[in-house]
């Protein structure tokens, strides 16, 4: 499991507010999403979500990470496109 997978899980969970729905959207198990979020929380030494029943909401720290996670994923997509174009022109 790499950091990009964890970030993707984090973003999807932040958008849908449900571990079950995030797992469905990412075609994986709910424990996988939970594991990704727990690892990110350990990595940043901070709670990223308020958990209440089946719904989750971002904490202030989670809101900060969401901004950067989206930027990171956008940069990865941009790099991928540039690499593909560079291959095309060679």
PDB file of N, CA and C in Angstrom:
ATOM      1  N   UNK A   1       0.862  -1.184   0.000  1.00  0.00           N
ATOM      2  CA  UNK A   1       0.000   0.000   0.000  1.00  0.00           C
ATOM      3  C   UNK A   1       0.901   1.237   0.000  1.00  0.00           C
ATOM      4  N   UNK A   2       0.663   2.113  -0.949  1.00  0.00           N
ATOM      5  CA  UNK A   2       1.499   3.298  -1.013  1.00  0.00           C
ATOM      6  C   UNK A   2       0.737   4.540  -0.553  1.00  0.00           C
ATOM      7  N   UNK A   3       1.466   5.596  -0.417  1.00  0.00           N
ATOM      8  CA  UNK A   3       0.883   6.841   0.083  1.00  0.00           C
ATOM      9  C   UNK A   3      -0.193   7.384  -0.852  1.00  0.00           C
ATOM     10  N   UNK A   4      -0.015   7.230  -2.154  1.00  0.00           N
ATOM     11  CA  UNK A   4      -1.027   7.729  -3.089  1.00  0.00           C
ATOM     12  C   UNK A   4      -2.355   7.000  -2.909  1.00  0.00           C
ATOM     13  N   UNK A   5      -2.304   5.708  -2.657  1.00  0.00           N
ATOM     14  CA  UNK A   5      -3.542   4.954  -2.391  1.00  0.00           C
ATOM     15  C   UNK A   5      -4.224   5.469  -1.124  1.00  0.00           C
ATOM     16  N   UNK A   6      -3.432   5.742  -0.123  1.00  0.00           N
ATOM     17  CA  UNK A   6      -3.989   6.272   1.134  1.00  0.00           C
ATOM     18  C   UNK A   6      -4.629   7.634   0.897  1.00  0.00           C
ATOM     19  N   UNK A   7      -3.945   8.474   0.125  1.00  0.00           N
ATOM     20  CA  UNK A   7      -4.480   9.805  -0.174  1.00  0.00           C
ATOM     21  C   UNK A   7      -5.785   9.708  -0.957  1.00  0.00           C
ATOM     22  N   UNK A   8      -5.833   8.779  -1.913  1.00  0.00           N
ATOM     23  CA  UNK A   8      -7.058   8.604  -2.683  1.00  0.00           C
ATOM     24  C   UNK A   8      -8.203   8.162  -1.765  1.00  0.00           C
ATOM     25  N   UNK A   9      -7.924   7.237  -0.868  1.00  0.00           N
ATOM     26  CA  UNK A   9      -8.946   6.797   0.097  1.00  0.00           C
ATOM     27  C   UNK A   9      -9.408   7.961   0.954  1.00  0.00           C
ATOM     28  N   UNK A  10      -8.465   8.778   1.394  1.00  0.00           N
ATOM     29  CA  UNK A  10      -8.777   9.943   2.224  1.00  0.00           C
ATOM     30  C   UNK A  10      -9.690  10.915   1.488  1.00  0.00           C
ATOM     31  N   UNK A  11      -9.356  11.222   0.234  1.00  0.00           N
ATOM     32  CA  UNK A  11     -10.146  12.168  -0.551  1.00  0.00           C
ATOM     33  C   UNK A  11     -11.560  11.642  -0.765  1.00  0.00           C
ATOM     34  N   UNK A  12     -11.677  10.387  -1.153  1.00  0.00           N
ATOM     35  CA  UNK A  12     -13.000   9.814  -1.414  1.00  0.00           C
ATOM     36  C   UNK A  12     -13.824   9.782  -0.131  1.00  0.00           C
ATOM     37  N   UNK A  13     -13.217   9.402   0.984  1.00  0.00           N
ATOM     38  CA  UNK A  13     -13.939   9.394   2.259  1.00  0.00           C
ATOM     39  C   UNK A  13     -14.389  10.802   2.641  1.00  0.00           C
ATOM     40  N   UNK A  14     -13.535  11.784   2.424  1.00  0.00           N
ATOM     41  CA  UNK A  14     -13.892  13.174   2.738  1.00  0.00           C
ATOM     42  C   UNK A  14     -15.073  13.635   1.889  1.00  0.00           C
ATOM     43  N   UNK A  15     -15.143  13.152   0.666  1.00  0.00           N
ATOM     44  CA  UNK A  15     -16.222  13.566  -0.248  1.00  0.00           C
ATOM     45  C   UNK A  15     -17.541  12.854   0.035  1.00  0.00           C
ATOM     46  N   UNK A  16     -17.482  11.583   0.420  1.00  0.00           N
ATOM     47  CA  UNK A  16     -18.744  10.837   0.586  1.00  0.00           C
ATOM     48  C   UNK A  16     -19.157  10.654   2.052  1.00  0.00           C
ATOM     49  N   UNK A  17     -18.272  10.944   3.002  1.00  0.00           N
ATOM     50  CA  UNK A  17     -18.589  10.920   4.444  1.00  0.00           C
ATOM     51  C   UNK A  17     -18.980   9.547   4.969  1.00  0.00           C
ATOM     52  N   UNK A  18     -18.576   8.475   4.298  1.00  0.00           N
ATOM     53  CA  UNK A  18     -18.965   7.126   4.714  1.00  0.00           C
ATOM     54  C   UNK A  18     -17.878   6.129   4.328  1.00  0.00           C
ATOM     55  N   UNK A  19     -17.403   5.361   5.313  1.00  0.00           N
ATOM     56  CA  UNK A  19     -16.409   4.332   5.026  1.00  0.00           C
ATOM     57  C   UNK A  19     -16.964   3.306   4.040  1.00  0.00           C
ATOM     58  N   UNK A  20     -18.222   2.938   4.228  1.00  0.00           N
ATOM     59  CA  UNK A  20     -18.851   1.947   3.353  1.00  0.00           C
ATOM     60  C   UNK A  20     -18.918   2.448   1.917  1.00  0.00           C
ATOM     61  N   UNK A  21     -19.352   3.680   1.744  1.00  0.00           N
ATOM     62  CA  UNK A  21     -19.461   4.255   0.397  1.00  0.00           C
ATOM     63  C   UNK A  21     -18.081   4.456  -0.226  1.00  0.00           C
ATOM     64  N   UNK A  22     -17.110   4.886   0.563  1.00  0.00           N
ATOM     65  CA  UNK A  22     -15.753   5.053   0.038  1.00  0.00           C
ATOM     66  C   UNK A  22     -15.210   3.712  -0.461  1.00  0.00           C
ATOM     67  N   UNK A  23     -15.433   2.653   0.303  1.00  0.00           N
ATOM     68  CA  UNK A  23     -14.988   1.320  -0.110  1.00  0.00           C
ATOM     69  C   UNK A  23     -15.680   0.897  -1.401  1.00  0.00           C
ATOM     70  N   UNK A  24     -16.963   1.161  -1.497  1.00  0.00           N
ATOM     71  CA  UNK A  24     -17.706   0.808  -2.713  1.00  0.00           C
ATOM     72  C   UNK A  24     -17.147   1.554  -3.917  1.00  0.00           C
ATOM     73  N   UNK A  25     -16.904   2.852  -3.763  1.00  0.00           N
ATOM     74  CA  UNK A  25     -16.397   3.659  -4.878  1.00  0.00           C
ATOM     75  C   UNK A  25     -15.004   3.243  -5.312  1.00  0.00           C
ATOM     76  N   UNK A  26     -14.200   2.768  -4.356  1.00  0.00           N
ATOM     77  CA  UNK A  26     -12.814   2.404  -4.666  1.00  0.00           C
ATOM     78  C   UNK A  26     -12.634   0.903  -4.909  1.00  0.00           C
ATOM     79  N   UNK A  27     -13.746   0.169  -4.909  1.00  0.00           N
ATOM     80  CA  UNK A  27     -13.714  -1.268  -5.173  1.00  0.00           C
ATOM     81  C   UNK A  27     -12.765  -2.003  -4.216  1.00  0.00           C
ATOM     82  N   UNK A  28     -12.923  -1.701  -2.936  1.00  0.00           N
ATOM     83  CA  UNK A  28     -12.122  -2.384  -1.927  1.00  0.00           C
ATOM     84  C   UNK A  28     -12.990  -2.612  -0.695  1.00  0.00           C
ATOM     85  N   UNK A  29     -12.410  -3.140   0.359  1.00  0.00           N
ATOM     86  CA  UNK A  29     -13.182  -3.418   1.569  1.00  0.00           C
ATOM     87  C   UNK A  29     -13.187  -2.214   2.508  1.00  0.00           C
ATOM     88  N   UNK A  30     -14.175  -2.178   3.365  1.00  0.00           N
ATOM     89  CA  UNK A  30     -14.248  -1.109   4.367  1.00  0.00           C
ATOM     90  C   UNK A  30     -13.035  -1.141   5.302  1.00  0.00           C
ATOM     91  N   UNK A  31     -12.579  -2.336   5.739  1.00  0.00           N
ATOM     92  CA  UNK A  31     -11.374  -2.355   6.578  1.00  0.00           C
ATOM     93  C   UNK A  31     -10.139  -1.771   5.882  1.00  0.00           C
ATOM     94  N   UNK A  32     -10.082  -1.892   4.559  1.00  0.00           N
ATOM     95  CA  UNK A  32      -8.963  -1.295   3.818  1.00  0.00           C
ATOM     96  C   UNK A  32      -8.995   0.221   3.944  1.00  0.00           C
ATOM     97  N   UNK A  33     -10.175   0.814   3.788  1.00  0.00           N
ATOM     98  CA  UNK A  33     -10.305   2.274   3.935  1.00  0.00           C
ATOM     99  C   UNK A  33      -9.934   2.683   5.354  1.00  0.00           C
ATOM    100  N   UNK A  34     -10.438   1.961   6.327  1.00  0.00           N
ATOM    101  CA  UNK A  34     -10.124   2.254   7.733  1.00  0.00           C
ATOM    102  C   UNK A  34      -8.629   2.180   7.985  1.00  0.00           C
ATOM    103  N   UNK A  35      -7.990   1.155   7.419  1.00  0.00           N
ATOM    104  CA  UNK A  35      -6.546   0.996   7.583  1.00  0.00           C
ATOM    105  C   UNK A  35      -5.793   2.174   6.960  1.00  0.00           C
ATOM    106  N   UNK A  36      -6.195   2.574   5.754  1.00  0.00           N
ATOM    107  CA  UNK A  36      -5.546   3.712   5.098  1.00  0.00           C
ATOM    108  C   UNK A  36      -5.660   4.973   5.949  1.00  0.00           C
ATOM    109  N   UNK A  37      -6.859   5.229   6.475  1.00  0.00           N
ATOM    110  CA  UNK A  37      -7.070   6.441   7.270  1.00  0.00           C
ATOM    111  C   UNK A  37      -6.285   6.364   8.577  1.00  0.00           C
ATOM    112  N   UNK A  38      -6.287   5.202   9.217  1.00  0.00           N
ATOM    113  CA  UNK A  38      -5.518   5.042  10.460  1.00  0.00           C
ATOM    114  C   UNK A  38      -4.034   5.295  10.222  1.00  0.00           C
ATOM    115  N   UNK A  39      -3.513   4.786   9.108  1.00  0.00           N
ATOM    116  CA  UNK A  39      -2.090   4.998   8.789  1.00  0.00           C
ATOM    117  C   UNK A  39      -1.793   6.478   8.534  1.00  0.00           C
ATOM    118  N   UNK A  40      -2.686   7.163   7.831  1.00  0.00           N
ATOM    119  CA  UNK A  40      -2.490   8.602   7.621  1.00  0.00           C
ATOM    120  C   UNK A  40      -2.540   9.351   8.949  1.00  0.00           C
ATOM    121  N   UNK A  41      -3.485   8.988   9.812  1.00  0.00           N
ATOM    122  CA  UNK A  41      -3.586   9.643  11.115  1.00  0.00           C
ATOM    123  C   UNK A  41      -2.334   9.392  11.954  1.00  0.00           C
ATOM    124  N   UNK A  42      -1.785   8.198  11.865  1.00  0.00           N
ATOM    125  CA  UNK A  42      -0.519   7.911  12.552  1.00  0.00           C
ATOM    126  C   UNK A  42       0.606   8.745  11.952  1.00  0.00           C
ATOM    127  N   UNK A  43       0.656   8.791  10.634  1.00  0.00           N
ATOM    128  CA  UNK A  43       1.712   9.519   9.940  1.00  0.00           C
ATOM    129  C   UNK A  43       1.708  11.000  10.305  1.00  0.00           C
ATOM    130  N   UNK A  44       0.518  11.602  10.362  1.00  0.00           N
ATOM    131  CA  UNK A  44       0.410  13.027  10.663  1.00  0.00           C
ATOM    132  C   UNK A  44       0.200  13.297  12.151  1.00  0.00           C
ATOM    133  N   UNK A  45       0.129  12.228  12.941  1.00  0.00           N
ATOM    134  CA  UNK A  45      -0.077  12.337  14.388  1.00  0.00           C
ATOM    135  C   UNK A  45      -1.254  13.255  14.706  1.00  0.00           C
ATOM    136  N   UNK A  46      -2.362  12.994  14.009  1.00  0.00           N
ATOM    137  CA  UNK A  46      -3.525  13.857  14.154  1.00  0.00           C
ATOM    138  C   UNK A  46      -4.779  13.129  13.694  1.00  0.00           C
ATOM    139  N   UNK A  47      -5.901  13.395  14.350  1.00  0.00           N
ATOM    140  CA  UNK A  47      -7.185  12.871  13.894  1.00  0.00           C
ATOM    141  C   UNK A  47      -7.611  13.669  12.668  1.00  0.00           C
ATOM    142  N   UNK A  48      -8.009  12.968  11.620  1.00  0.00           N
ATOM    143  CA  UNK A  48      -8.404  13.628  10.384  1.00  0.00           C
ATOM    144  C   UNK A  48      -9.914  13.690  10.209  1.00  0.00           C
ATOM    145  N   UNK A  49     -10.640  12.816  10.926  1.00  0.00           N
ATOM    146  CA  UNK A  49     -12.097  12.757  10.830  1.00  0.00           C
ATOM    147  C   UNK A  49     -12.726  12.677  12.210  1.00  0.00           C
ATOM    148  N   UNK A  50     -13.883  13.328  12.346  1.00  0.00           N
ATOM    149  CA  UNK A  50     -14.769  13.097  13.481  1.00  0.00           C
ATOM    150  C   UNK A  50     -15.669  11.952  13.063  1.00  0.00           C
ATOM    151  N   UNK A  51     -15.725  10.906  13.859  1.00  0.00           N
ATOM    152  CA  UNK A  51     -16.554   9.754  13.532  1.00  0.00           C
ATOM    153  C   UNK A  51     -17.800   9.777  14.416  1.00  0.00           C
ATOM    154  N   UNK A  52     -18.961   9.757  13.782  1.00  0.00           N
ATOM    155  CA  UNK A  52     -20.213   9.722  14.539  1.00  0.00           C
ATOM    156  C   UNK A  52     -21.158   8.755  13.837  1.00  0.00           C
ATOM    157  N   UNK A  53     -21.305   7.593  14.418  1.00  0.00           N
ATOM    158  CA  UNK A  53     -22.132   6.575  13.776  1.00  0.00           C
ATOM    159  C   UNK A  53     -21.507   6.147  12.470  1.00  0.00           C
ATOM    160  N   UNK A  54     -22.303   6.167  11.421  1.00  0.00           N
ATOM    161  CA  UNK A  54     -21.798   5.750  10.110  1.00  0.00           C
ATOM    162  C   UNK A  54     -21.278   6.923   9.288  1.00  0.00           C
ATOM    163  N   UNK A  55     -21.428   8.129   9.786  1.00  0.00           N
ATOM    164  CA  UNK A  55     -20.982   9.320   9.063  1.00  0.00           C
ATOM    165  C   UNK A  55     -19.665   9.826   9.638  1.00  0.00           C
ATOM    166  N   UNK A  56     -18.862  10.419   8.780  1.00  0.00           N
ATOM    167  CA  UNK A  56     -17.614  11.041   9.212  1.00  0.00           C
ATOM    168  C   UNK A  56     -17.536  12.456   8.650  1.00  0.00           C
ATOM    169  N   UNK A  57     -16.910  13.329   9.395  1.00  0.00           N
ATOM    170  CA  UNK A  57     -16.684  14.713   8.975  1.00  0.00           C
ATOM    171  C   UNK A  57     -15.221  15.052   9.208  1.00  0.00           C
ATOM    172  N   UNK A  58     -14.670  15.877   8.361  1.00  0.00           N
ATOM    173  CA  UNK A  58     -13.276  16.283   8.508  1.00  0.00           C
ATOM    174  C   UNK A  58     -13.063  17.128   9.759  1.00  0.00           C
ATOM    175  N   UNK A  59     -11.925  16.914  10.408  1.00  0.00           N
ATOM    176  CA  UNK A  59     -11.474  17.810  11.464  1.00  0.00           C
ATOM    177  C   UNK A  59     -10.781  18.989  10.772  1.00  0.00           C
ATOM    178  N   UNK A  60     -10.362  19.967  11.539  1.00  0.00           N
ATOM    179  CA  UNK A  60      -9.593  21.085  10.963  1.00  0.00           C
ATOM    180  C   UNK A  60      -8.323  20.561  10.295  1.00  0.00           C
ATOM    181  N   UNK A  61      -7.662  19.602  10.955  1.00  0.00           N
ATOM    182  CA  UNK A  61      -6.451  19.020  10.391  1.00  0.00           C
ATOM    183  C   UNK A  61      -6.780  18.278   9.090  1.00  0.00           C
ATOM    184  N   UNK A  62      -7.917  17.603   9.073  1.00  0.00           N
ATOM    185  CA  UNK A  62      -8.351  16.903   7.873  1.00  0.00           C
ATOM    186  C   UNK A  62      -8.618  17.856   6.723  1.00  0.00           C
ATOM    187  N   UNK A  63      -9.204  19.011   7.024  1.00  0.00           N
ATOM    188  CA  UNK A  63      -9.459  20.017   5.989  1.00  0.00           C
ATOM    189  C   UNK A  63      -8.154  20.501   5.371  1.00  0.00           C
ATOM    190  N   UNK A  64      -7.149  20.685   6.209  1.00  0.00           N
ATOM    191  CA  UNK A  64      -5.837  21.113   5.712  1.00  0.00           C
ATOM    192  C   UNK A  64      -5.250  20.037   4.807  1.00  0.00           C
ATOM    193  N   UNK A  65      -5.292  18.788   5.276  1.00  0.00           N
ATOM    194  CA  UNK A  65      -4.735  17.703   4.472  1.00  0.00           C
ATOM    195  C   UNK A  65      -5.504  17.530   3.160  1.00  0.00           C
ATOM    196  N   UNK A  66      -6.816  17.692   3.187  1.00  0.00           N
ATOM    197  CA  UNK A  66      -7.615  17.533   1.967  1.00  0.00           C
ATOM    198  C   UNK A  66      -7.133  18.480   0.876  1.00  0.00           C
ATOM    199  N   UNK A  67      -6.855  19.710   1.240  1.00  0.00           N
ATOM    200  CA  UNK A  67      -6.349  20.690   0.265  1.00  0.00           C
ATOM    201  C   UNK A  67      -5.059  20.178  -0.383  1.00  0.00           C
ATOM    202  N   UNK A  68      -4.128  19.708   0.434  1.00  0.00           N
ATOM    203  CA  UNK A  68      -2.846  19.250  -0.097  1.00  0.00           C
ATOM    204  C   UNK A  68      -2.968  17.911  -0.810  1.00  0.00           C
ATOM    205  N   UNK A  69      -3.825  17.044  -0.321  1.00  0.00           N
ATOM    206  CA  UNK A  69      -4.024  15.740  -0.975  1.00  0.00           C
ATOM    207  C   UNK A  69      -4.546  15.931  -2.394  1.00  0.00           C
ATOM    208  N   UNK A  70      -5.479  16.852  -2.553  1.00  0.00           N
ATOM    209  CA  UNK A  70      -6.003  17.132  -3.898  1.00  0.00           C
ATOM    210  C   UNK A  70      -4.913  17.700  -4.801  1.00  0.00           C
ATOM    211  N   UNK A  71      -4.097  18.592  -4.248  1.00  0.00           N
ATOM    212  CA  UNK A  71      -2.990  19.148  -5.037  1.00  0.00           C
ATOM    213  C   UNK A  71      -2.019  18.055  -5.457  1.00  0.00           C
ATOM    214  N   UNK A  72      -1.702  17.157  -4.521  1.00  0.00           N
ATOM    215  CA  UNK A  72      -0.782  16.057  -4.819  1.00  0.00           C
ATOM    216  C   UNK A  72      -1.339  15.192  -5.942  1.00  0.00           C
ATOM    217  N   UNK A  73      -2.605  14.818  -5.836  1.00  0.00           N
ATOM    218  CA  UNK A  73      -3.202  13.964  -6.863  1.00  0.00           C
ATOM    219  C   UNK A  73      -3.265  14.686  -8.210  1.00  0.00           C
ATOM    220  N   UNK A  74      -3.529  15.975  -8.207  1.00  0.00           N
ATOM    221  CA  UNK A  74      -3.524  16.751  -9.450  1.00  0.00           C
ATOM    222  C   UNK A  74      -2.132  16.784 -10.070  1.00  0.00           C
ATOM    223  N   UNK A  75      -1.110  16.930  -9.243  1.00  0.00           N
ATOM    224  CA  UNK A  75       0.262  16.936  -9.748  1.00  0.00           C
ATOM    225  C   UNK A  75       0.641  15.578 -10.338  1.00  0.00           C
ATOM    226  N   UNK A  76       0.201  14.507  -9.703  1.00  0.00           N
ATOM    227  CA  UNK A  76       0.479  13.166 -10.237  1.00  0.00           C
ATOM    228  C   UNK A  76      -0.195  13.006 -11.605  1.00  0.00           C
ATOM    229  N   UNK A  77      -1.437  13.453 -11.712  1.00  0.00           N
ATOM    230  CA  UNK A  77      -2.146  13.380 -12.993  1.00  0.00           C
ATOM    231  C   UNK A  77      -1.432  14.217 -14.059  1.00  0.00           C
ATOM    232  N   UNK A  78      -1.009  15.408 -13.679  1.00  0.00           N
ATOM    233  CA  UNK A  78      -0.307  16.294 -14.617  1.00  0.00           C
ATOM    234  C   UNK A  78       1.004  15.672 -15.075  1.00  0.00           C
ATOM    235  N   UNK A  79       1.749  15.096 -14.142  1.00  0.00           N
ATOM    236  CA  UNK A  79       3.015  14.446 -14.498  1.00  0.00           C
ATOM    237  C   UNK A  79       2.768  13.275 -15.447  1.00  0.00           C
ATOM    238  N   UNK A  80       1.738  12.517 -15.166  1.00  0.00           N
ATOM    239  CA  UNK A  80       1.401  11.373 -16.019  1.00  0.00           C
ATOM    240  C   UNK A  80       1.096  11.821 -17.452  1.00  0.00           C
ATOM    241  N   UNK A  81       0.321  12.890 -17.589  1.00  0.00           N
ATOM    242  CA  UNK A  81      -0.001  13.416 -18.918  1.00  0.00           C
ATOM    243  C   UNK A  81       1.247  13.897 -19.645  1.00  0.00           C
ATOM    244  N   UNK A  82       2.118  14.602 -18.950  1.00  0.00           N
ATOM    245  CA  UNK A  82       3.342  15.113 -19.580  1.00  0.00           C
ATOM    246  C   UNK A  82       4.256  13.968 -19.999  1.00  0.00           C
ATOM    247  N   UNK A  83       4.314  12.936 -19.189  1.00  0.00           N
ATOM    248  CA  UNK A  83       5.140  11.770 -19.521  1.00  0.00           C
ATOM    249  C   UNK A  83       4.586  11.076 -20.763  1.00  0.00           C
ATOM    250  N   UNK A  84       3.274  10.925 -20.840  1.00  0.00           N
ATOM    251  CA  UNK A  84       2.649  10.289 -21.996  1.00  0.00           C
ATOM    252  C   UNK A  84       2.920  11.101 -23.259  1.00  0.00           C
ATOM    253  N   UNK A  85       2.802  12.417 -23.152  1.00  0.00           N
ATOM    254  CA  UNK A  85       3.057  13.272 -24.318  1.00  0.00           C
ATOM    255  C   UNK A  85       4.521  13.202 -24.734  1.00  0.00           C
ATOM    256  N   UNK A  86       5.428  13.137 -23.770  1.00  0.00           N
ATOM    257  CA  UNK A  86       6.848  13.061 -24.095  1.00  0.00           C
ATOM    258  C   UNK A  86       7.142  11.761 -24.829  1.00  0.00           C
ATOM    259  N   UNK A  87       6.528  10.668 -24.430  1.00  0.00           N
ATOM    260  CA  UNK A  87       6.700   9.386 -25.105  1.00  0.00           C
ATOM    261  C   UNK A  87       6.170   9.451 -26.530  1.00  0.00           C
ATOM    262  N   UNK A  88       5.056  10.163 -26.707  1.00  0.00           N
ATOM    263  CA  UNK A  88       4.407  10.266 -28.019  1.00  0.00           C
ATOM    264  C   UNK A  88       5.303  10.978 -29.040  1.00  0.00           C
ATOM    265  N   UNK A  89       6.019  11.993 -28.572  1.00  0.00           N
ATOM    266  CA  UNK A  89       6.807  12.802 -29.493  1.00  0.00           C
ATOM    267  C   UNK A  89       8.210  12.254 -29.717  1.00  0.00           C
ATOM    268  N   UNK A  90       8.575  11.191 -29.063  1.00  0.00           N
ATOM    269  CA  UNK A  90       9.919  10.634 -29.262  1.00  0.00           C
ATOM    270  C   UNK A  90       9.945   9.641 -30.389  1.00  0.00           C
TER     271      UNK A  90
END
